């Protein structure tokens, strides 16, 4: 809550709405915590970013890549393949989303096997 209150919200209600949608999509608990918030919010509050770094010591880059892959896949499935919505919920551009879908071999259309040629 502290992190949400300290943020300036330059995008007003729409930015807040996207932030909450993202947190709900990424979280797997009943409570949204600071780890579920987009990086832009955390970068605005250095104290919050520091809390996250100390809360998850010892994570390797492989662990982080696995978390990223699973998160992208979950969000992509939740929005039924809508790349624009997935990018907004994840806080990344559509081009970055395409790169990550290709990198992690995630099907670009829900229901298609991974690795299938599905470029649109």
PDB file of N, CA and C in Angstrom:
ATOM      1  N   UNK A   1       0.829  -1.185   0.000  1.00  0.00           N
ATOM      2  CA  UNK A   1       0.000   0.000   0.000  1.00  0.00           C
ATOM      3  C   UNK A   1       0.873   1.247   0.000  1.00  0.00           C
ATOM      4  N   UNK A   2       1.957   1.180   0.769  1.00  0.00           N
ATOM      5  CA  UNK A   2       2.868   2.313   0.851  1.00  0.00           C
ATOM      6  C   UNK A   2       3.433   2.660  -0.529  1.00  0.00           C
ATOM      7  N   UNK A   3       3.804   1.642  -1.277  1.00  0.00           N
ATOM      8  CA  UNK A   3       4.362   1.845  -2.615  1.00  0.00           C
ATOM      9  C   UNK A   3       3.319   2.472  -3.545  1.00  0.00           C
ATOM     10  N   UNK A   4       2.090   2.007  -3.480  1.00  0.00           N
ATOM     11  CA  UNK A   4       1.016   2.557  -4.315  1.00  0.00           C
ATOM     12  C   UNK A   4       0.738   4.020  -3.968  1.00  0.00           C
ATOM     13  N   UNK A   5       0.774   4.340  -2.689  1.00  0.00           N
ATOM     14  CA  UNK A   5       0.501   5.710  -2.259  1.00  0.00           C
ATOM     15  C   UNK A   5       1.632   6.671  -2.592  1.00  0.00           C
ATOM     16  N   UNK A   6       2.870   6.183  -2.625  1.00  0.00           N
ATOM     17  CA  UNK A   6       4.014   7.053  -2.898  1.00  0.00           C
ATOM     18  C   UNK A   6       4.177   7.356  -4.385  1.00  0.00           C
ATOM     19  N   UNK A   7       3.600   6.552  -5.247  1.00  0.00           N
ATOM     20  CA  UNK A   7       3.764   6.733  -6.687  1.00  0.00           C
ATOM     21  C   UNK A   7       2.942   7.932  -7.166  1.00  0.00           C
ATOM     22  N   UNK A   8       3.453   8.662  -8.158  1.00  0.00           N
ATOM     23  CA  UNK A   8       2.801   9.882  -8.661  1.00  0.00           C
ATOM     24  C   UNK A   8       1.582   9.612  -9.540  1.00  0.00           C
ATOM     25  N   UNK A   9       1.504   8.467 -10.199  1.00  0.00           N
ATOM     26  CA  UNK A   9       0.425   8.078 -11.110  1.00  0.00           C
ATOM     27  C   UNK A   9       0.239   9.080 -12.256  1.00  0.00           C
ATOM     28  N   UNK A  10       1.270   9.249 -13.102  1.00  0.00           N
ATOM     29  CA  UNK A  10       1.141  10.183 -14.221  1.00  0.00           C
ATOM     30  C   UNK A  10       0.081   9.746 -15.235  1.00  0.00           C
ATOM     31  N   UNK A  11      -0.213   8.457 -15.290  1.00  0.00           N
ATOM     32  CA  UNK A  11      -1.240   7.958 -16.201  1.00  0.00           C
ATOM     33  C   UNK A  11      -2.620   7.953 -15.582  1.00  0.00           C
ATOM     34  N   UNK A  12      -2.731   8.473 -14.375  1.00  0.00           N
ATOM     35  CA  UNK A  12      -3.994   8.584 -13.649  1.00  0.00           C
ATOM     36  C   UNK A  12      -4.684   7.235 -13.471  1.00  0.00           C
ATOM     37  N   UNK A  13      -5.999   7.218 -13.630  1.00  0.00           N
ATOM     38  CA  UNK A  13      -6.790   6.025 -13.320  1.00  0.00           C
ATOM     39  C   UNK A  13      -6.445   4.849 -14.233  1.00  0.00           C
ATOM     40  N   UNK A  14      -6.157   5.125 -15.489  1.00  0.00           N
ATOM     41  CA  UNK A  14      -5.835   4.025 -16.413  1.00  0.00           C
ATOM     42  C   UNK A  14      -4.551   3.316 -15.999  1.00  0.00           C
ATOM     43  N   UNK A  15      -3.569   4.072 -15.563  1.00  0.00           N
ATOM     44  CA  UNK A  15      -2.316   3.462 -15.121  1.00  0.00           C
ATOM     45  C   UNK A  15      -2.547   2.637 -13.857  1.00  0.00           C
ATOM     46  N   UNK A  16      -3.339   3.162 -12.950  1.00  0.00           N
ATOM     47  CA  UNK A  16      -3.664   2.425 -11.727  1.00  0.00           C
ATOM     48  C   UNK A  16      -4.410   1.139 -12.070  1.00  0.00           C
ATOM     49  N   UNK A  17      -5.364   1.234 -12.980  1.00  0.00           N
ATOM     50  CA  UNK A  17      -6.138   0.061 -13.394  1.00  0.00           C
ATOM     51  C   UNK A  17      -5.223  -1.008 -14.000  1.00  0.00           C
ATOM     52  N   UNK A  18      -4.318  -0.602 -14.894  1.00  0.00           N
ATOM     53  CA  UNK A  18      -3.382  -1.553 -15.494  1.00  0.00           C
ATOM     54  C   UNK A  18      -2.472  -2.167 -14.442  1.00  0.00           C
ATOM     55  N   UNK A  19      -2.055  -1.361 -13.485  1.00  0.00           N
ATOM     56  CA  UNK A  19      -1.186  -1.840 -12.413  1.00  0.00           C
ATOM     57  C   UNK A  19      -1.894  -2.921 -11.592  1.00  0.00           C
ATOM     58  N   UNK A  20      -3.135  -2.680 -11.237  1.00  0.00           N
ATOM     59  CA  UNK A  20      -3.891  -3.643 -10.429  1.00  0.00           C
ATOM     60  C   UNK A  20      -4.176  -4.909 -11.241  1.00  0.00           C
ATOM     61  N   UNK A  21      -4.544  -4.758 -12.527  1.00  0.00           N
ATOM     62  CA  UNK A  21      -4.771  -5.930 -13.383  1.00  0.00           C
ATOM     63  C   UNK A  21      -3.517  -6.793 -13.449  1.00  0.00           C
ATOM     64  N   UNK A  22      -2.377  -6.146 -13.612  1.00  0.00           N
ATOM     65  CA  UNK A  22      -1.104  -6.853 -13.696  1.00  0.00           C
ATOM     66  C   UNK A  22      -0.815  -7.581 -12.386  1.00  0.00           C
ATOM     67  N   UNK A  23      -1.026  -6.901 -11.280  1.00  0.00           N
ATOM     68  CA  UNK A  23      -0.753  -7.496  -9.970  1.00  0.00           C
ATOM     69  C   UNK A  23      -1.642  -8.720  -9.723  1.00  0.00           C
ATOM     70  N   UNK A  24      -2.883  -8.626 -10.120  1.00  0.00           N
ATOM     71  CA  UNK A  24      -3.800  -9.755  -9.954  1.00  0.00           C
ATOM     72  C   UNK A  24      -3.377 -10.915 -10.854  1.00  0.00           C
ATOM     73  N   UNK A  25      -2.976 -10.599 -12.085  1.00  0.00           N
ATOM     74  CA  UNK A  25      -2.570 -11.650 -13.021  1.00  0.00           C
ATOM     75  C   UNK A  25      -1.281 -12.339 -12.579  1.00  0.00           C
ATOM     76  N   UNK A  26      -0.357 -11.578 -12.021  1.00  0.00           N
ATOM     77  CA  UNK A  26       0.935 -12.140 -11.650  1.00  0.00           C
ATOM     78  C   UNK A  26       0.926 -12.788 -10.274  1.00  0.00           C
ATOM     79  N   UNK A  27       0.062 -12.318  -9.416  1.00  0.00           N
ATOM     80  CA  UNK A  27       0.027 -12.844  -8.056  1.00  0.00           C
ATOM     81  C   UNK A  27      -0.681 -14.177  -7.982  1.00  0.00           C
ATOM     82  N   UNK A  28      -0.294 -14.962  -7.010  1.00  0.00           N
ATOM     83  CA  UNK A  28      -0.968 -16.243  -6.828  1.00  0.00           C
ATOM     84  C   UNK A  28      -1.514 -16.361  -5.409  1.00  0.00           C
ATOM     85  N   UNK A  29      -1.555 -15.240  -4.738  1.00  0.00           N
ATOM     86  CA  UNK A  29      -2.076 -15.223  -3.373  1.00  0.00           C
ATOM     87  C   UNK A  29      -3.331 -14.372  -3.320  1.00  0.00           C
ATOM     88  N   UNK A  30      -3.905 -14.277  -2.174  1.00  0.00           N
ATOM     89  CA  UNK A  30      -5.110 -13.474  -1.999  1.00  0.00           C
ATOM     90  C   UNK A  30      -4.787 -12.008  -1.754  1.00  0.00           C
ATOM     91  N   UNK A  31      -3.516 -11.723  -1.477  1.00  0.00           N
ATOM     92  CA  UNK A  31      -3.087 -10.360  -1.202  1.00  0.00           C
ATOM     93  C   UNK A  31      -2.051  -9.937  -2.229  1.00  0.00           C
ATOM     94  N   UNK A  32      -2.197  -8.727  -2.747  1.00  0.00           N
ATOM     95  CA  UNK A  32      -1.204  -8.191  -3.669  1.00  0.00           C
ATOM     96  C   UNK A  32      -0.057  -7.658  -2.829  1.00  0.00           C
ATOM     97  N   UNK A  33       1.157  -8.121  -3.150  1.00  0.00           N
ATOM     98  CA  UNK A  33       2.310  -7.576  -2.432  1.00  0.00           C
ATOM     99  C   UNK A  33       3.228  -6.844  -3.407  1.00  0.00           C
ATOM    100  N   UNK A  34       4.272  -6.249  -2.891  1.00  0.00           N
ATOM    101  CA  UNK A  34       5.144  -5.394  -3.686  1.00  0.00           C
ATOM    102  C   UNK A  34       5.790  -6.152  -4.843  1.00  0.00           C
ATOM    103  N   UNK A  35       5.992  -7.458  -4.718  1.00  0.00           N
ATOM    104  CA  UNK A  35       6.577  -8.256  -5.800  1.00  0.00           C
ATOM    105  C   UNK A  35       5.657  -8.383  -7.005  1.00  0.00           C
ATOM    106  N   UNK A  36       4.354  -8.140  -6.822  1.00  0.00           N
ATOM    107  CA  UNK A  36       3.391  -8.243  -7.909  1.00  0.00           C
ATOM    108  C   UNK A  36       3.251  -6.940  -8.694  1.00  0.00           C
ATOM    109  N   UNK A  37       3.832  -5.863  -8.203  1.00  0.00           N
ATOM    110  CA  UNK A  37       3.699  -4.553  -8.835  1.00  0.00           C
ATOM    111  C   UNK A  37       4.686  -4.390  -9.979  1.00  0.00           C
ATOM    112  N   UNK A  38       4.354  -3.534 -10.958  1.00  0.00           N
ATOM    113  CA  UNK A  38       5.246  -3.333 -12.101  1.00  0.00           C
ATOM    114  C   UNK A  38       6.551  -2.647 -11.700  1.00  0.00           C
ATOM    115  N   UNK A  39       7.607  -2.903 -12.453  1.00  0.00           N
ATOM    116  CA  UNK A  39       8.908  -2.312 -12.141  1.00  0.00           C
ATOM    117  C   UNK A  39       8.885  -0.781 -12.102  1.00  0.00           C
ATOM    118  N   UNK A  40       8.038  -0.151 -12.913  1.00  0.00           N
ATOM    119  CA  UNK A  40       7.993   1.320 -12.932  1.00  0.00           C
ATOM    120  C   UNK A  40       7.608   1.888 -11.562  1.00  0.00           C
ATOM    121  N   UNK A  41       6.757   1.202 -10.850  1.00  0.00           N
ATOM    122  CA  UNK A  41       6.377   1.653  -9.511  1.00  0.00           C
ATOM    123  C   UNK A  41       7.530   1.488  -8.537  1.00  0.00           C
ATOM    124  N   UNK A  42       8.229   0.396  -8.677  1.00  0.00           N
ATOM    125  CA  UNK A  42       9.321   0.111  -7.761  1.00  0.00           C
ATOM    126  C   UNK A  42      10.503   1.032  -8.007  1.00  0.00           C
ATOM    127  N   UNK A  43      10.732   1.398  -9.270  1.00  0.00           N
ATOM    128  CA  UNK A  43      11.833   2.303  -9.598  1.00  0.00           C
ATOM    129  C   UNK A  43      11.576   3.698  -9.044  1.00  0.00           C
ATOM    130  N   UNK A  44      10.312   4.056  -8.881  1.00  0.00           N
ATOM    131  CA  UNK A  44       9.975   5.367  -8.351  1.00  0.00           C
ATOM    132  C   UNK A  44      10.234   5.450  -6.858  1.00  0.00           C
ATOM    133  N   UNK A  45      10.321   4.294  -6.204  1.00  0.00           N
ATOM    134  CA  UNK A  45      10.540   4.251  -4.770  1.00  0.00           C
ATOM    135  C   UNK A  45      11.762   3.388  -4.468  1.00  0.00           C
ATOM    136  N   UNK A  46      12.946   3.994  -4.356  1.00  0.00           N
ATOM    137  CA  UNK A  46      14.164   3.216  -4.119  1.00  0.00           C
ATOM    138  C   UNK A  46      14.092   2.331  -2.876  1.00  0.00           C
ATOM    139  N   UNK A  47      13.403   2.770  -1.846  1.00  0.00           N
ATOM    140  CA  UNK A  47      13.299   1.968  -0.620  1.00  0.00           C
ATOM    141  C   UNK A  47      12.549   0.666  -0.900  1.00  0.00           C
ATOM    142  N   UNK A  48      11.510   0.728  -1.730  1.00  0.00           N
ATOM    143  CA  UNK A  48      10.745  -0.471  -2.067  1.00  0.00           C
ATOM    144  C   UNK A  48      11.585  -1.428  -2.897  1.00  0.00           C
ATOM    145  N   UNK A  49      12.346  -0.914  -3.839  1.00  0.00           N
ATOM    146  CA  UNK A  49      13.195  -1.766  -4.665  1.00  0.00           C
ATOM    147  C   UNK A  49      14.228  -2.475  -3.792  1.00  0.00           C
ATOM    148  N   UNK A  50      14.746  -1.786  -2.818  1.00  0.00           N
ATOM    149  CA  UNK A  50      15.722  -2.375  -1.912  1.00  0.00           C
ATOM    150  C   UNK A  50      15.078  -3.497  -1.098  1.00  0.00           C
ATOM    151  N   UNK A  51      13.827  -3.300  -0.653  1.00  0.00           N
ATOM    152  CA  UNK A  51      13.115  -4.338   0.092  1.00  0.00           C
ATOM    153  C   UNK A  51      12.978  -5.615  -0.726  1.00  0.00           C
ATOM    154  N   UNK A  52      12.699  -5.481  -2.014  1.00  0.00           N
ATOM    155  CA  UNK A  52      12.529  -6.647  -2.870  1.00  0.00           C
ATOM    156  C   UNK A  52      13.846  -7.383  -3.019  1.00  0.00           C
ATOM    157  N   UNK A  53      14.932  -6.643  -3.223  1.00  0.00           N
ATOM    158  CA  UNK A  53      16.237  -7.280  -3.385  1.00  0.00           C
ATOM    159  C   UNK A  53      16.629  -8.064  -2.147  1.00  0.00           C
ATOM    160  N   UNK A  54      16.331  -7.540  -0.979  1.00  0.00           N
ATOM    161  CA  UNK A  54      16.703  -8.245   0.239  1.00  0.00           C
ATOM    162  C   UNK A  54      15.722  -9.371   0.568  1.00  0.00           C
ATOM    163  N   UNK A  55      14.508  -9.308   0.022  1.00  0.00           N
ATOM    164  CA  UNK A  55      13.507 -10.346   0.300  1.00  0.00           C
ATOM    165  C   UNK A  55      13.790 -11.624  -0.481  1.00  0.00           C
ATOM    166  N   UNK A  56      14.507 -11.551  -1.598  1.00  0.00           N
ATOM    167  CA  UNK A  56      14.761 -12.735  -2.402  1.00  0.00           C
ATOM    168  C   UNK A  56      16.243 -12.931  -2.671  1.00  0.00           C
ATOM    169  N   UNK A  57      17.045 -13.114  -1.640  1.00  0.00           N
ATOM    170  CA  UNK A  57      18.468 -13.313  -1.881  1.00  0.00           C
ATOM    171  C   UNK A  57      18.734 -14.689  -2.472  1.00  0.00           C
ATOM    172  N   UNK A  58      19.805 -14.798  -3.239  1.00  0.00           N
ATOM    173  CA  UNK A  58      20.227 -16.097  -3.734  1.00  0.00           C
ATOM    174  C   UNK A  58      19.529 -16.583  -4.984  1.00  0.00           C
ATOM    175  N   UNK A  59      18.717 -15.760  -5.634  1.00  0.00           N
ATOM    176  CA  UNK A  59      18.085 -16.196  -6.868  1.00  0.00           C
ATOM    177  C   UNK A  59      19.107 -16.114  -7.992  1.00  0.00           C
ATOM    178  N   UNK A  60      19.221 -17.175  -8.769  1.00  0.00           N
ATOM    179  CA  UNK A  60      20.143 -17.160  -9.895  1.00  0.00           C
ATOM    180  C   UNK A  60      19.430 -16.612 -11.120  1.00  0.00           C
ATOM    181  N   UNK A  61      20.192 -16.298 -12.158  1.00  0.00           N
ATOM    182  CA  UNK A  61      19.586 -15.793 -13.384  1.00  0.00           C
ATOM    183  C   UNK A  61      18.681 -16.847 -14.011  1.00  0.00           C
ATOM    184  N   UNK A  62      19.006 -18.115 -13.829  1.00  0.00           N
ATOM    185  CA  UNK A  62      18.160 -19.190 -14.347  1.00  0.00           C
ATOM    186  C   UNK A  62      16.816 -19.202 -13.626  1.00  0.00           C
ATOM    187  N   UNK A  63      16.845 -19.024 -12.305  1.00  0.00           N
ATOM    188  CA  UNK A  63      15.603 -18.956 -11.541  1.00  0.00           C
ATOM    189  C   UNK A  63      14.748 -17.789 -12.019  1.00  0.00           C
ATOM    190  N   UNK A  64      15.374 -16.643 -12.226  1.00  0.00           N
ATOM    191  CA  UNK A  64      14.642 -15.464 -12.673  1.00  0.00           C
ATOM    192  C   UNK A  64      14.070 -15.674 -14.071  1.00  0.00           C
ATOM    193  N   UNK A  65      14.824 -16.328 -14.944  1.00  0.00           N
ATOM    194  CA  UNK A  65      14.316 -16.617 -16.287  1.00  0.00           C
ATOM    195  C   UNK A  65      13.126 -17.566 -16.223  1.00  0.00           C
ATOM    196  N   UNK A  66      13.187 -18.556 -15.347  1.00  0.00           N
ATOM    197  CA  UNK A  66      12.063 -19.480 -15.182  1.00  0.00           C
ATOM    198  C   UNK A  66      10.826 -18.739 -14.689  1.00  0.00           C
ATOM    199  N   UNK A  67      11.021 -17.853 -13.734  1.00  0.00           N
ATOM    200  CA  UNK A  67       9.908 -17.060 -13.205  1.00  0.00           C
ATOM    201  C   UNK A  67       9.332 -16.187 -14.307  1.00  0.00           C
ATOM    202  N   UNK A  68      10.210 -15.548 -15.079  1.00  0.00           N
ATOM    203  CA  UNK A  68       9.754 -14.686 -16.169  1.00  0.00           C
ATOM    204  C   UNK A  68       8.968 -15.490 -17.200  1.00  0.00           C
ATOM    205  N   UNK A  69       9.498 -16.659 -17.587  1.00  0.00           N
ATOM    206  CA  UNK A  69       8.827 -17.495 -18.585  1.00  0.00           C
ATOM    207  C   UNK A  69       7.438 -17.907 -18.120  1.00  0.00           C
ATOM    208  N   UNK A  70       7.345 -18.384 -16.894  1.00  0.00           N
ATOM    209  CA  UNK A  70       6.066 -18.834 -16.348  1.00  0.00           C
ATOM    210  C   UNK A  70       5.085 -17.662 -16.252  1.00  0.00           C
ATOM    211  N   UNK A  71       5.584 -16.511 -15.828  1.00  0.00           N
ATOM    212  CA  UNK A  71       4.729 -15.335 -15.690  1.00  0.00           C
ATOM    213  C   UNK A  71       4.197 -14.890 -17.044  1.00  0.00           C
ATOM    214  N   UNK A  72       5.059 -14.809 -18.034  1.00  0.00           N
ATOM    215  CA  UNK A  72       4.629 -14.397 -19.373  1.00  0.00           C
ATOM    216  C   UNK A  72       3.619 -15.387 -19.925  1.00  0.00           C
ATOM    217  N   UNK A  73       3.890 -16.664 -19.746  1.00  0.00           N
ATOM    218  CA  UNK A  73       2.972 -17.687 -20.254  1.00  0.00           C
ATOM    219  C   UNK A  73       1.606 -17.586 -19.574  1.00  0.00           C
ATOM    220  N   UNK A  74       1.610 -17.396 -18.260  1.00  0.00           N
ATOM    221  CA  UNK A  74       0.349 -17.299 -17.519  1.00  0.00           C
ATOM    222  C   UNK A  74      -0.469 -16.077 -17.970  1.00  0.00           C
ATOM    223  N   UNK A  75       0.188 -14.933 -18.082  1.00  0.00           N
ATOM    224  CA  UNK A  75      -0.512 -13.711 -18.502  1.00  0.00           C
ATOM    225  C   UNK A  75      -1.006 -13.860 -19.936  1.00  0.00           C
ATOM    226  N   UNK A  76      -0.170 -14.398 -20.815  1.00  0.00           N
ATOM    227  CA  UNK A  76      -0.537 -14.561 -22.218  1.00  0.00           C
ATOM    228  C   UNK A  76      -1.759 -15.458 -22.361  1.00  0.00           C
ATOM    229  N   UNK A  77      -1.809 -16.528 -21.581  1.00  0.00           N
ATOM    230  CA  UNK A  77      -2.975 -17.414 -21.612  1.00  0.00           C
ATOM    231  C   UNK A  77      -4.198 -16.730 -21.025  1.00  0.00           C
ATOM    232  N   UNK A  78      -3.993 -15.951 -19.964  1.00  0.00           N
ATOM    233  CA  UNK A  78      -5.114 -15.284 -19.307  1.00  0.00           C
ATOM    234  C   UNK A  78      -5.788 -14.271 -20.235  1.00  0.00           C
ATOM    235  N   UNK A  79      -5.016 -13.584 -21.066  1.00  0.00           N
ATOM    236  CA  UNK A  79      -5.595 -12.593 -21.979  1.00  0.00           C
ATOM    237  C   UNK A  79      -5.924 -13.214 -23.334  1.00  0.00           C
ATOM    238  N   UNK A  80      -5.873 -14.538 -23.381  1.00  0.00           N
ATOM    239  CA  UNK A  80      -6.232 -15.304 -24.575  1.00  0.00           C
ATOM    240  C   UNK A  80      -5.448 -14.873 -25.816  1.00  0.00           C
ATOM    241  N   UNK A  81      -4.143 -14.611 -25.615  1.00  0.00           N
ATOM    242  CA  UNK A  81      -3.272 -14.299 -26.738  1.00  0.00           C
ATOM    243  C   UNK A  81      -3.270 -12.852 -27.187  1.00  0.00           C
ATOM    244  N   UNK A  82      -3.989 -11.984 -26.500  1.00  0.00           N
ATOM    245  CA  UNK A  82      -4.017 -10.558 -26.854  1.00  0.00           C
ATOM    246  C   UNK A  82      -2.664  -9.944 -26.488  1.00  0.00           C
ATOM    247  N   UNK A  83      -1.852  -9.719 -27.493  1.00  0.00           N
ATOM    248  CA  UNK A  83      -0.479  -9.264 -27.260  1.00  0.00           C
ATOM    249  C   UNK A  83      -0.423  -7.859 -26.666  1.00  0.00           C
ATOM    250  N   UNK A  84      -1.325  -6.999 -27.060  1.00  0.00           N
ATOM    251  CA  UNK A  84      -1.346  -5.631 -26.528  1.00  0.00           C
ATOM    252  C   UNK A  84      -1.667  -5.660 -25.029  1.00  0.00           C
ATOM    253  N   UNK A  85      -2.713  -6.397 -24.653  1.00  0.00           N
ATOM    254  CA  UNK A  85      -3.071  -6.502 -23.229  1.00  0.00           C
ATOM    255  C   UNK A  85      -1.982  -7.183 -22.425  1.00  0.00           C
ATOM    256  N   UNK A  86      -1.399  -8.240 -22.974  1.00  0.00           N
ATOM    257  CA  UNK A  86      -0.339  -8.957 -22.267  1.00  0.00           C
ATOM    258  C   UNK A  86       0.835  -8.025 -22.014  1.00  0.00           C
ATOM    259  N   UNK A  87       1.232  -7.265 -23.024  1.00  0.00           N
ATOM    260  CA  UNK A  87       2.332  -6.323 -22.870  1.00  0.00           C
ATOM    261  C   UNK A  87       2.048  -5.283 -21.809  1.00  0.00           C
ATOM    262  N   UNK A  88       0.818  -4.756 -21.801  1.00  0.00           N
ATOM    263  CA  UNK A  88       0.448  -3.751 -20.796  1.00  0.00           C
ATOM    264  C   UNK A  88       0.464  -4.348 -19.395  1.00  0.00           C
ATOM    265  N   UNK A  89      -0.077  -5.544 -19.257  1.00  0.00           N
ATOM    266  CA  UNK A  89      -0.117  -6.172 -17.933  1.00  0.00           C
ATOM    267  C   UNK A  89       1.280  -6.499 -17.423  1.00  0.00           C
ATOM    268  N   UNK A  90       2.162  -6.851 -18.342  1.00  0.00           N
ATOM    269  CA  UNK A  90       3.524  -7.195 -17.958  1.00  0.00           C
ATOM    270  C   UNK A  90       4.417  -5.968 -17.838  1.00  0.00           C
ATOM    271  N   UNK A  91       3.941  -4.835 -18.361  1.00  0.00           N
ATOM    272  CA  UNK A  91       4.734  -3.618 -18.301  1.00  0.00           C
ATOM    273  C   UNK A  91       5.877  -3.601 -19.310  1.00  0.00           C
ATOM    274  N   UNK A  92       5.671  -4.304 -20.451  1.00  0.00           N
ATOM    275  CA  UNK A  92       6.691  -4.338 -21.496  1.00  0.00           C
ATOM    276  C   UNK A  92       6.059  -3.979 -22.836  1.00  0.00           C
ATOM    277  N   UNK A  93       6.891  -3.558 -23.787  1.00  0.00           N
ATOM    278  CA  UNK A  93       6.382  -3.211 -25.118  1.00  0.00           C
ATOM    279  C   UNK A  93       5.997  -4.482 -25.876  1.00  0.00           C
ATOM    280  N   UNK A  94       5.237  -4.289 -26.939  1.00  0.00           N
ATOM    281  CA  UNK A  94       4.828  -5.436 -27.743  1.00  0.00           C
ATOM    282  C   UNK A  94       6.045  -6.095 -28.396  1.00  0.00           C
ATOM    283  N   UNK A  95       7.016  -5.278 -28.817  1.00  0.00           N
ATOM    284  CA  UNK A  95       8.232  -5.836 -29.424  1.00  0.00           C
ATOM    285  C   UNK A  95       8.992  -6.702 -28.410  1.00  0.00           C
ATOM    286  N   UNK A  96       9.091  -6.227 -27.175  1.00  0.00           N
ATOM    287  CA  UNK A  96       9.753  -7.010 -26.129  1.00  0.00           C
ATOM    288  C   UNK A  96       8.985  -8.293 -25.862  1.00  0.00           C
ATOM    289  N   UNK A  97       7.662  -8.201 -25.860  1.00  0.00           N
ATOM    290  CA  UNK A  97       6.840  -9.396 -25.655  1.00  0.00           C
ATOM    291  C   UNK A  97       7.114 -10.423 -26.757  1.00  0.00           C
ATOM    292  N   UNK A  98       7.157  -9.974 -28.013  1.00  0.00           N
ATOM    293  CA  UNK A  98       7.448 -10.894 -29.118  1.00  0.00           C
ATOM    294  C   UNK A  98       8.801 -11.574 -28.922  1.00  0.00           C
ATOM    295  N   UNK A  99       9.815 -10.793 -28.537  1.00  0.00           N
ATOM    296  CA  UNK A  99      11.151 -11.371 -28.320  1.00  0.00           C
ATOM    297  C   UNK A  99      11.121 -12.422 -27.219  1.00  0.00           C
ATOM    298  N   UNK A 100      10.414 -12.122 -26.140  1.00  0.00           N
ATOM    299  CA  UNK A 100      10.370 -13.052 -25.014  1.00  0.00           C
ATOM    300  C   UNK A 100       9.542 -14.299 -25.345  1.00  0.00           C
ATOM    301  N   UNK A 101       8.463 -14.132 -26.108  1.00  0.00           N
ATOM    302  CA  UNK A 101       7.682 -15.296 -26.544  1.00  0.00           C
ATOM    303  C   UNK A 101       8.550 -16.227 -27.385  1.00  0.00           C
ATOM    304  N   UNK A 102       9.332 -15.631 -28.271  1.00  0.00           N
ATOM    305  CA  UNK A 102      10.227 -16.441 -29.109  1.00  0.00           C
ATOM    306  C   UNK A 102      11.333 -17.068 -28.266  1.00  0.00           C
ATOM    307  N   UNK A 103      11.932 -16.281 -27.369  1.00  0.00           N
ATOM    308  CA  UNK A 103      13.033 -16.766 -26.539  1.00  0.00           C
ATOM    309  C   UNK A 103      12.619 -17.964 -25.688  1.00  0.00           C
ATOM    310  N   UNK A 104      11.411 -17.870 -25.089  1.00  0.00           N
ATOM    311  CA  UNK A 104      10.952 -18.931 -24.201  1.00  0.00           C
ATOM    312  C   UNK A 104      10.108 -19.978 -24.923  1.00  0.00           C
ATOM    313  N   UNK A 105      10.011 -19.846 -26.254  1.00  0.00           N
ATOM    314  CA  UNK A 105       9.288 -20.824 -27.062  1.00  0.00           C
ATOM    315  C   UNK A 105       7.833 -20.967 -26.613  1.00  0.00           C
ATOM    316  N   UNK A 106       7.183 -19.835 -26.404  1.00  0.00           N
ATOM    317  CA  UNK A 106       5.776 -19.808 -25.994  1.00  0.00           C
ATOM    318  C   UNK A 106       4.936 -19.593 -27.250  1.00  0.00           C
ATOM    319  N   UNK A 107       3.901 -20.429 -27.436  1.00  0.00           N
ATOM    320  CA  UNK A 107       3.036 -20.315 -28.610  1.00  0.00           C
ATOM    321  C   UNK A 107       2.403 -18.930 -28.657  1.00  0.00           C
ATOM    322  N   UNK A 108       2.404 -18.324 -29.842  1.00  0.00           N
ATOM    323  CA  UNK A 108       1.871 -16.967 -29.984  1.00  0.00           C
ATOM    324  C   UNK A 108       0.354 -16.943 -29.997  1.00  0.00           C
ATOM    325  N   UNK A 109      -0.251 -18.092 -30.218  1.00  0.00           N
ATOM    326  CA  UNK A 109      -1.713 -18.188 -30.145  1.00  0.00           C
ATOM    327  C   UNK A 109      -2.054 -19.256 -29.128  1.00  0.00           C
ATOM    328  N   UNK A 110      -2.989 -18.952 -28.215  1.00  0.00           N
ATOM    329  CA  UNK A 110      -3.364 -19.959 -27.222  1.00  0.00           C
ATOM    330  C   UNK A 110      -3.877 -21.228 -27.893  1.00  0.00           C
ATOM    331  N   UNK A 111      -3.534 -22.355 -27.310  1.00  0.00           N
ATOM    332  CA  UNK A 111      -4.007 -23.630 -27.820  1.00  0.00           C
ATOM    333  C   UNK A 111      -3.082 -24.243 -28.866  1.00  0.00           C
ATOM    334  N   UNK A 112      -2.101 -23.476 -29.341  1.00  0.00           N
ATOM    335  CA  UNK A 112      -1.164 -24.016 -30.325  1.00  0.00           C
ATOM    336  C   UNK A 112       0.058 -24.542 -29.576  1.00  0.00           C
ATOM    337  N   UNK A 113       0.647 -25.601 -30.079  1.00  0.00           N
ATOM    338  CA  UNK A 113       1.845 -26.117 -29.416  1.00  0.00           C
ATOM    339  C   UNK A 113       2.992 -25.130 -29.526  1.00  0.00           C
ATOM    340  N   UNK A 114       3.846 -25.087 -28.506  1.00  0.00           N
ATOM    341  CA  UNK A 114       4.997 -24.211 -28.510  1.00  0.00           C
ATOM    342  C   UNK A 114       5.911 -24.575 -29.665  1.00  0.00           C
ATOM    343  N   UNK A 115       6.524 -23.555 -30.253  1.00  0.00           N
ATOM    344  CA  UNK A 115       7.455 -23.785 -31.335  1.00  0.00           C
ATOM    345  C   UNK A 115       6.803 -23.781 -32.697  1.00  0.00           C
ATOM    346  N   UNK A 116       5.449 -23.731 -32.770  1.00  0.00           N
ATOM    347  CA  UNK A 116       4.775 -23.696 -34.051  1.00  0.00           C
ATOM    348  C   UNK A 116       4.980 -22.341 -34.700  1.00  0.00           C
ATOM    349  N   UNK A 117       5.114 -22.294 -36.020  1.00  0.00           N
ATOM    350  CA  UNK A 117       5.251 -21.002 -36.677  1.00  0.00           C
ATOM    351  C   UNK A 117       3.921 -20.272 -36.626  1.00  0.00           C
ATOM    352  N   UNK A 118       3.837 -19.202 -35.855  1.00  0.00           N
ATOM    353  CA  UNK A 118       2.564 -18.518 -35.661  1.00  0.00           C
ATOM    354  C   UNK A 118       2.681 -17.013 -35.815  1.00  0.00           C
ATOM    355  N   UNK A 119       3.717 -16.521 -36.458  1.00  0.00           N
ATOM    356  CA  UNK A 119       3.871 -15.070 -36.599  1.00  0.00           C
ATOM    357  C   UNK A 119       2.714 -14.496 -37.382  1.00  0.00           C
ATOM    358  N   UNK A 120       2.262 -13.350 -36.944  1.00  0.00           N
ATOM    359  CA  UNK A 120       1.116 -12.706 -37.605  1.00  0.00           C
ATOM    360  C   UNK A 120       1.581 -11.502 -38.362  1.00  0.00           C
TER     361      UNK A 120
END
